[in-house]
Amino acid sequence: MIISFFKSGTSGARSAINYVLGVLDHEKNERSVKPKVIDGSIEAFQISVEFNPNKWKYTSGVIAWSKVDDPTDEQ
């Protein structure tokens, strides 16, 4: 498993949402695994970012597994 945090969080929520849920990765290649929201509300995230007065409005990152790990949604 790989856990990584990104140096982002000062822009609006829409750009982060579009990237995280988009079909293209950071190199503009189609993602081999499609993103999936497991928990939480996209709308609540967007509202909280828009109303946050701080410079750093959110933190984003990724948790990635290899194909052999194959975790379930419950895990």
Protein backbone atom coordinates (compact mmCIF):
# COMPACT_ATOMS: atom_id res chain seq x y z
CA MET A 1 0.00 0.00 0.00
CA ILE A 2 1.18 3.51 -0.81
CA ILE A 3 -0.09 6.59 1.05
CA SER A 4 0.87 9.97 -0.35
CA PHE A 5 -0.25 13.57 0.24
CA PHE A 6 -0.17 16.26 -2.43
CA LYS A 7 1.10 19.84 -2.23
CA SER A 8 -2.22 21.36 -3.15
CA GLY A 9 -5.19 22.82 -1.41
CA THR A 10 -5.23 26.54 -2.14
CA SER A 11 -7.49 26.52 -5.19
CA GLY A 12 -11.23 26.03 -5.45
CA ALA A 13 -12.84 22.69 -4.78
CA ARG A 14 -14.09 22.13 -8.32
CA SER A 15 -10.59 21.62 -9.79
CA ALA A 16 -9.76 19.04 -7.10
CA ILE A 17 -13.06 17.22 -7.57
CA ASN A 18 -12.67 17.15 -11.35
CA TYR A 19 -9.15 15.74 -11.08
CA VAL A 20 -9.89 13.11 -8.44
CA LEU A 21 -13.01 11.83 -10.18
CA GLY A 22 -11.76 12.32 -13.75
CA VAL A 23 -10.97 9.55 -16.21
CA LEU A 24 -7.48 10.97 -16.95
CA ASP A 25 -4.44 10.85 -14.68
CA HIS A 26 -1.86 13.61 -14.12
CA GLU A 27 -0.11 12.66 -17.39
CA LYS A 28 -3.41 12.86 -19.33
CA ASN A 29 -3.57 9.09 -19.76
CA GLU A 30 -6.80 7.20 -19.18
CA ARG A 31 -6.82 5.71 -15.68
CA SER A 32 -6.62 1.94 -15.59
CA VAL A 33 -8.81 1.93 -12.48
CA LYS A 34 -11.76 4.28 -12.38
CA PRO A 35 -12.13 6.48 -9.27
CA LYS A 36 -14.87 5.59 -6.82
CA VAL A 37 -16.30 7.60 -3.93
CA ILE A 38 -16.45 5.22 -0.95
CA ASP A 39 -17.79 7.62 1.66
CA GLY A 40 -18.64 11.27 2.13
CA SER A 41 -20.38 13.94 0.11
CA ILE A 42 -18.83 15.73 -2.84
CA GLU A 43 -21.28 18.60 -2.34
CA ALA A 44 -20.38 18.98 1.36
CA PHE A 45 -16.67 19.02 0.47
CA GLN A 46 -17.20 21.72 -2.16
CA ILE A 47 -19.23 23.91 0.20
CA SER A 48 -16.71 23.56 3.04
CA VAL A 49 -13.82 24.55 0.75
CA GLU A 50 -15.68 27.53 -0.67
CA PHE A 51 -16.47 28.88 2.80
CA ASN A 52 -13.02 28.18 4.29
CA PRO A 53 -11.21 31.53 4.78
CA ASN A 54 -7.75 29.94 5.17
CA LYS A 55 -5.07 29.92 2.46
CA TRP A 56 -4.82 26.10 2.61
CA LYS A 57 -8.45 25.10 2.17
CA TYR A 58 -8.10 21.31 1.99
CA THR A 59 -5.62 18.45 1.99
CA SER A 60 -5.66 15.78 -0.68
CA GLY A 61 -3.81 12.55 -1.16
CA VAL A 62 -4.02 9.02 -2.40
CA ILE A 63 -4.07 5.53 -0.96
CA ALA A 64 -3.04 3.00 -3.60
CA TRP A 65 -2.84 -0.79 -3.53
CA SER A 66 -1.18 -3.22 -5.89
CA LYS A 67 -3.38 -5.62 -7.84
CA VAL A 68 -2.46 -8.48 -5.53
CA ASP A 69 -3.77 -6.63 -2.45
CA ASP A 70 -7.34 -6.39 -3.85
CA PRO A 71 -9.04 -4.86 -0.77
CA THR A 72 -12.81 -4.92 -0.43
CA ASP A 73 -14.89 -1.78 0.14
CA GLU A 74 -15.40 -2.85 3.77
CA GLN A 75 -11.65 -3.05 4.38
